[in-house]
Amino acid sequence: MIERGRSSYEGFAATIKLVGTGARGSRDLSFGEAREAMAVLLAGETSEAQAGAFLIAMRLKGEAAAELAGFAQALREASM
């Protein structure tokens, strides 16, 4: 999970590593991890390269239901 106390780079790099290590090494994010990752993206706390790497890794891995729900929750929270 991305920790708010750490720099965005360190926390988001760890999230990219979870989903971007290939078919055998990657794992689905939990609802909370997905919500936090989307919140960080929406807040602009990542570089363009990090955002692109995360989105491509998610596309290659395929999105799980809990991830989509977490992303949607972050979008709802950001719209308020």
N, C-alpha and C. Protein backbone atom coordinates (compact mmCIF):
# COMPACT_ATOMS: atom_id res chain seq x y z
N MET A 1 0.84 -1.18 0.00
CA MET A 1 0.00 0.00 0.00
C MET A 1 0.88 1.24 0.00
N ILE A 2 0.46 2.26 -0.68
CA ILE A 2 1.21 3.50 -0.73
C ILE A 2 1.04 4.22 0.60
N GLU A 3 2.14 4.57 1.22
CA GLU A 3 2.09 5.24 2.51
C GLU A 3 2.23 6.74 2.29
N ARG A 4 1.34 7.50 2.88
CA ARG A 4 1.36 8.95 2.72
C ARG A 4 2.62 9.57 3.30
N GLY A 5 3.23 8.96 4.32
CA GLY A 5 4.42 9.52 4.94
C GLY A 5 5.67 9.40 4.08
N ARG A 6 5.67 8.51 3.13
CA ARG A 6 6.81 8.32 2.25
C ARG A 6 6.68 9.26 1.07
N SER A 7 7.78 9.46 0.37
CA SER A 7 7.68 10.30 -0.82
C SER A 7 6.82 9.59 -1.84
N SER A 8 6.13 10.35 -2.66
CA SER A 8 5.27 9.77 -3.68
C SER A 8 6.06 8.84 -4.59
N TYR A 9 7.28 9.22 -4.91
CA TYR A 9 8.09 8.40 -5.81
C TYR A 9 8.31 7.02 -5.22
N GLU A 10 8.73 6.94 -3.97
CA GLU A 10 9.02 5.64 -3.35
C GLU A 10 7.76 4.79 -3.25
N GLY A 11 6.68 5.36 -2.78
CA GLY A 11 5.44 4.60 -2.61
C GLY A 11 4.86 4.15 -3.92
N PHE A 12 4.85 5.03 -4.90
CA PHE A 12 4.26 4.67 -6.18
C PHE A 12 5.13 3.69 -6.94
N ALA A 13 6.44 3.81 -6.81
CA ALA A 13 7.35 2.86 -7.45
C ALA A 13 7.08 1.45 -6.93
N ALA A 14 6.79 1.32 -5.64
CA ALA A 14 6.47 0.01 -5.07
C ALA A 14 5.17 -0.53 -5.65
N THR A 15 4.20 0.34 -5.87
CA THR A 15 2.93 -0.08 -6.45
C THR A 15 3.13 -0.55 -7.89
N ILE A 16 3.92 0.18 -8.65
CA ILE A 16 4.22 -0.23 -10.03
C ILE A 16 4.87 -1.61 -10.03
N LYS A 17 5.77 -1.83 -9.09
CA LYS A 17 6.46 -3.13 -9.02
C LYS A 17 5.48 -4.27 -8.74
N LEU A 18 4.45 -4.02 -7.94
CA LEU A 18 3.46 -5.06 -7.64
C LEU A 18 2.73 -5.54 -8.88
N VAL A 19 2.37 -4.60 -9.76
CA VAL A 19 1.56 -4.97 -10.92
C VAL A 19 2.38 -5.13 -12.19
N GLY A 20 3.63 -4.72 -12.18
CA GLY A 20 4.41 -4.71 -13.41
C GLY A 20 5.57 -5.66 -13.47
N THR A 21 5.51 -6.77 -12.76
CA THR A 21 6.63 -7.70 -12.75
C THR A 21 6.39 -8.94 -13.60
N GLY A 22 5.52 -8.84 -14.55
CA GLY A 22 5.28 -9.95 -15.46
C GLY A 22 4.11 -10.82 -15.04
N ALA A 23 3.77 -11.72 -15.93
CA ALA A 23 2.59 -12.56 -15.72
C ALA A 23 2.68 -13.41 -14.47
N ARG A 24 3.86 -13.88 -14.15
CA ARG A 24 4.00 -14.76 -12.98
C ARG A 24 4.29 -14.00 -11.70
N GLY A 25 4.89 -12.83 -11.80
CA GLY A 25 5.31 -12.12 -10.61
C GLY A 25 4.36 -11.05 -10.12
N SER A 26 3.47 -10.57 -10.98
CA SER A 26 2.58 -9.49 -10.56
C SER A 26 1.40 -10.05 -9.78
N ARG A 27 0.76 -9.17 -9.03
CA ARG A 27 -0.44 -9.57 -8.30
C ARG A 27 -1.45 -8.45 -8.38
N ASP A 28 -2.70 -8.79 -8.12
CA ASP A 28 -3.76 -7.79 -8.10
C ASP A 28 -3.59 -6.89 -6.88
N LEU A 29 -3.97 -5.63 -7.04
CA LEU A 29 -3.99 -4.71 -5.91
C LEU A 29 -5.26 -4.95 -5.10
N SER A 30 -5.19 -4.69 -3.82
CA SER A 30 -6.40 -4.72 -3.00
C SER A 30 -7.23 -3.49 -3.33
N PHE A 31 -8.46 -3.46 -2.85
CA PHE A 31 -9.32 -2.29 -3.03
C PHE A 31 -8.61 -1.04 -2.52
N GLY A 32 -8.05 -1.11 -1.32
CA GLY A 32 -7.39 0.05 -0.72
C GLY A 32 -6.15 0.49 -1.49
N GLU A 33 -5.36 -0.46 -1.95
CA GLU A 33 -4.17 -0.12 -2.74
C GLU A 33 -4.56 0.55 -4.05
N ALA A 34 -5.60 0.02 -4.69
CA ALA A 34 -6.06 0.60 -5.96
C ALA A 34 -6.62 2.00 -5.74
N ARG A 35 -7.40 2.19 -4.68
CA ARG A 35 -7.96 3.51 -4.37
C ARG A 35 -6.84 4.51 -4.12
N GLU A 36 -5.85 4.11 -3.35
CA GLU A 36 -4.73 5.00 -3.04
C GLU A 36 -3.91 5.31 -4.29
N ALA A 37 -3.67 4.32 -5.13
CA ALA A 37 -2.90 4.55 -6.36
C ALA A 37 -3.62 5.55 -7.25
N MET A 38 -4.92 5.40 -7.41
CA MET A 38 -5.67 6.34 -8.24
C MET A 38 -5.70 7.72 -7.61
N ALA A 39 -5.81 7.80 -6.30
CA ALA A 39 -5.80 9.10 -5.62
C ALA A 39 -4.48 9.82 -5.85
N VAL A 40 -3.37 9.08 -5.80
CA VAL A 40 -2.05 9.67 -6.04
C VAL A 40 -1.95 10.14 -7.49
N LEU A 41 -2.45 9.35 -8.42
CA LEU A 41 -2.45 9.75 -9.83
C LEU A 41 -3.26 11.03 -10.04
N LEU A 42 -4.45 11.06 -9.47
CA LEU A 42 -5.33 12.21 -9.65
C LEU A 42 -4.78 13.47 -9.00
N ALA A 43 -4.03 13.31 -7.93
CA ALA A 43 -3.44 14.46 -7.23
C ALA A 43 -2.19 14.98 -7.93
N GLY A 44 -1.74 14.27 -8.95
CA GLY A 44 -0.55 14.70 -9.68
C GLY A 44 0.74 14.49 -8.91
N GLU A 45 0.75 13.50 -8.02
CA GLU A 45 1.92 13.24 -7.17
C GLU A 45 2.90 12.26 -7.80
N THR A 46 2.72 11.95 -9.07
CA THR A 46 3.63 11.04 -9.77
C THR A 46 4.20 11.76 -10.98
N SER A 47 5.30 11.24 -11.47
CA SER A 47 5.82 11.77 -12.73
C SER A 47 4.98 11.20 -13.87
N GLU A 48 5.10 11.80 -15.03
CA GLU A 48 4.39 11.28 -16.20
C GLU A 48 4.86 9.87 -16.52
N ALA A 49 6.14 9.61 -16.35
CA ALA A 49 6.69 8.28 -16.62
C ALA A 49 6.09 7.24 -15.66
N GLN A 50 5.96 7.61 -14.38
CA GLN A 50 5.37 6.68 -13.41
C GLN A 50 3.91 6.41 -13.74
N ALA A 51 3.18 7.45 -14.06
CA ALA A 51 1.76 7.28 -14.40
C ALA A 51 1.62 6.36 -15.61
N GLY A 52 2.42 6.61 -16.63
CA GLY A 52 2.37 5.78 -17.83
C GLY A 52 2.75 4.34 -17.55
N ALA A 53 3.80 4.14 -16.77
CA ALA A 53 4.24 2.78 -16.43
C ALA A 53 3.15 2.03 -15.68
N PHE A 54 2.52 2.70 -14.73
CA PHE A 54 1.45 2.07 -13.95
C PHE A 54 0.27 1.69 -14.85
N LEU A 55 -0.16 2.62 -15.68
CA LEU A 55 -1.33 2.36 -16.52
C LEU A 55 -1.05 1.25 -17.54
N ILE A 56 0.14 1.23 -18.11
CA ILE A 56 0.48 0.16 -19.05
C ILE A 56 0.57 -1.18 -18.33
N ALA A 57 1.19 -1.19 -17.15
CA ALA A 57 1.30 -2.44 -16.38
C ALA A 57 -0.09 -2.97 -16.02
N MET A 58 -0.99 -2.07 -15.63
CA MET A 58 -2.35 -2.50 -15.31
C MET A 58 -3.04 -3.07 -16.55
N ARG A 59 -2.84 -2.45 -17.68
CA ARG A 59 -3.48 -2.91 -18.91
C ARG A 59 -2.96 -4.29 -19.30
N LEU A 60 -1.66 -4.49 -19.18
CA LEU A 60 -1.07 -5.78 -19.53
C LEU A 60 -1.49 -6.88 -18.56
N LYS A 61 -1.56 -6.53 -17.27
CA LYS A 61 -1.95 -7.50 -16.25
C LYS A 61 -3.43 -7.82 -16.34
N GLY A 62 -4.22 -6.81 -16.64
CA GLY A 62 -5.67 -6.96 -16.61
C GLY A 62 -6.19 -6.49 -15.27
N GLU A 63 -7.29 -5.77 -15.29
CA GLU A 63 -7.83 -5.19 -14.07
C GLU A 63 -8.75 -6.18 -13.37
N ALA A 64 -8.58 -6.31 -12.06
CA ALA A 64 -9.45 -7.16 -11.25
C ALA A 64 -10.63 -6.32 -10.74
N ALA A 65 -11.68 -6.98 -10.33
CA ALA A 65 -12.88 -6.29 -9.86
C ALA A 65 -12.58 -5.37 -8.67
N ALA A 66 -11.78 -5.82 -7.72
CA ALA A 66 -11.45 -4.99 -6.56
C ALA A 66 -10.65 -3.76 -6.97
N GLU A 67 -9.80 -3.91 -7.98
CA GLU A 67 -9.03 -2.76 -8.47
C GLU A 67 -9.96 -1.73 -9.11
N LEU A 68 -10.86 -2.19 -9.95
CA LEU A 68 -11.80 -1.27 -10.60
C LEU A 68 -12.66 -0.56 -9.57
N ALA A 69 -13.09 -1.29 -8.54
CA ALA A 69 -13.89 -0.67 -7.48
C ALA A 69 -13.08 0.38 -6.73
N GLY A 70 -11.82 0.09 -6.45
CA GLY A 70 -10.96 1.05 -5.77
C GLY A 70 -10.71 2.28 -6.61
N PHE A 71 -10.48 2.09 -7.91
CA PHE A 71 -10.29 3.23 -8.81
C PHE A 71 -11.54 4.10 -8.84
N ALA A 72 -12.70 3.45 -8.94
CA ALA A 72 -13.97 4.19 -8.99
C ALA A 72 -14.19 4.97 -7.70
N GLN A 73 -13.86 4.38 -6.56
CA GLN A 73 -14.02 5.08 -5.28
C GLN A 73 -13.15 6.32 -5.23
N ALA A 74 -11.90 6.20 -5.69
CA ALA A 74 -11.00 7.36 -5.70
C ALA A 74 -11.54 8.46 -6.62
N LEU A 75 -12.10 8.07 -7.74
CA LEU A 75 -12.68 9.06 -8.66
C LEU A 75 -13.88 9.75 -8.03
N ARG A 76 -14.72 8.98 -7.33
CA ARG A 76 -15.86 9.59 -6.63
C ARG A 76 -15.39 10.57 -5.57
N GLU A 77 -14.39 10.16 -4.79
CA GLU A 77 -13.87 11.03 -3.73
C GLU A 77 -13.26 12.30 -4.31
N ALA A 78 -12.58 12.19 -5.43
CA ALA A 78 -11.94 13.36 -6.04
C ALA A 78 -12.96 14.32 -6.65
N SER A 79 -14.12 13.81 -6.99
CA SER A 79 -15.13 14.66 -7.63
C SER A 79 -15.94 15.47 -6.63
N MET A 80 -15.77 15.20 -5.36
CA MET A 80 -16.55 15.92 -4.34
C MET A 80 -15.90 17.21 -3.94
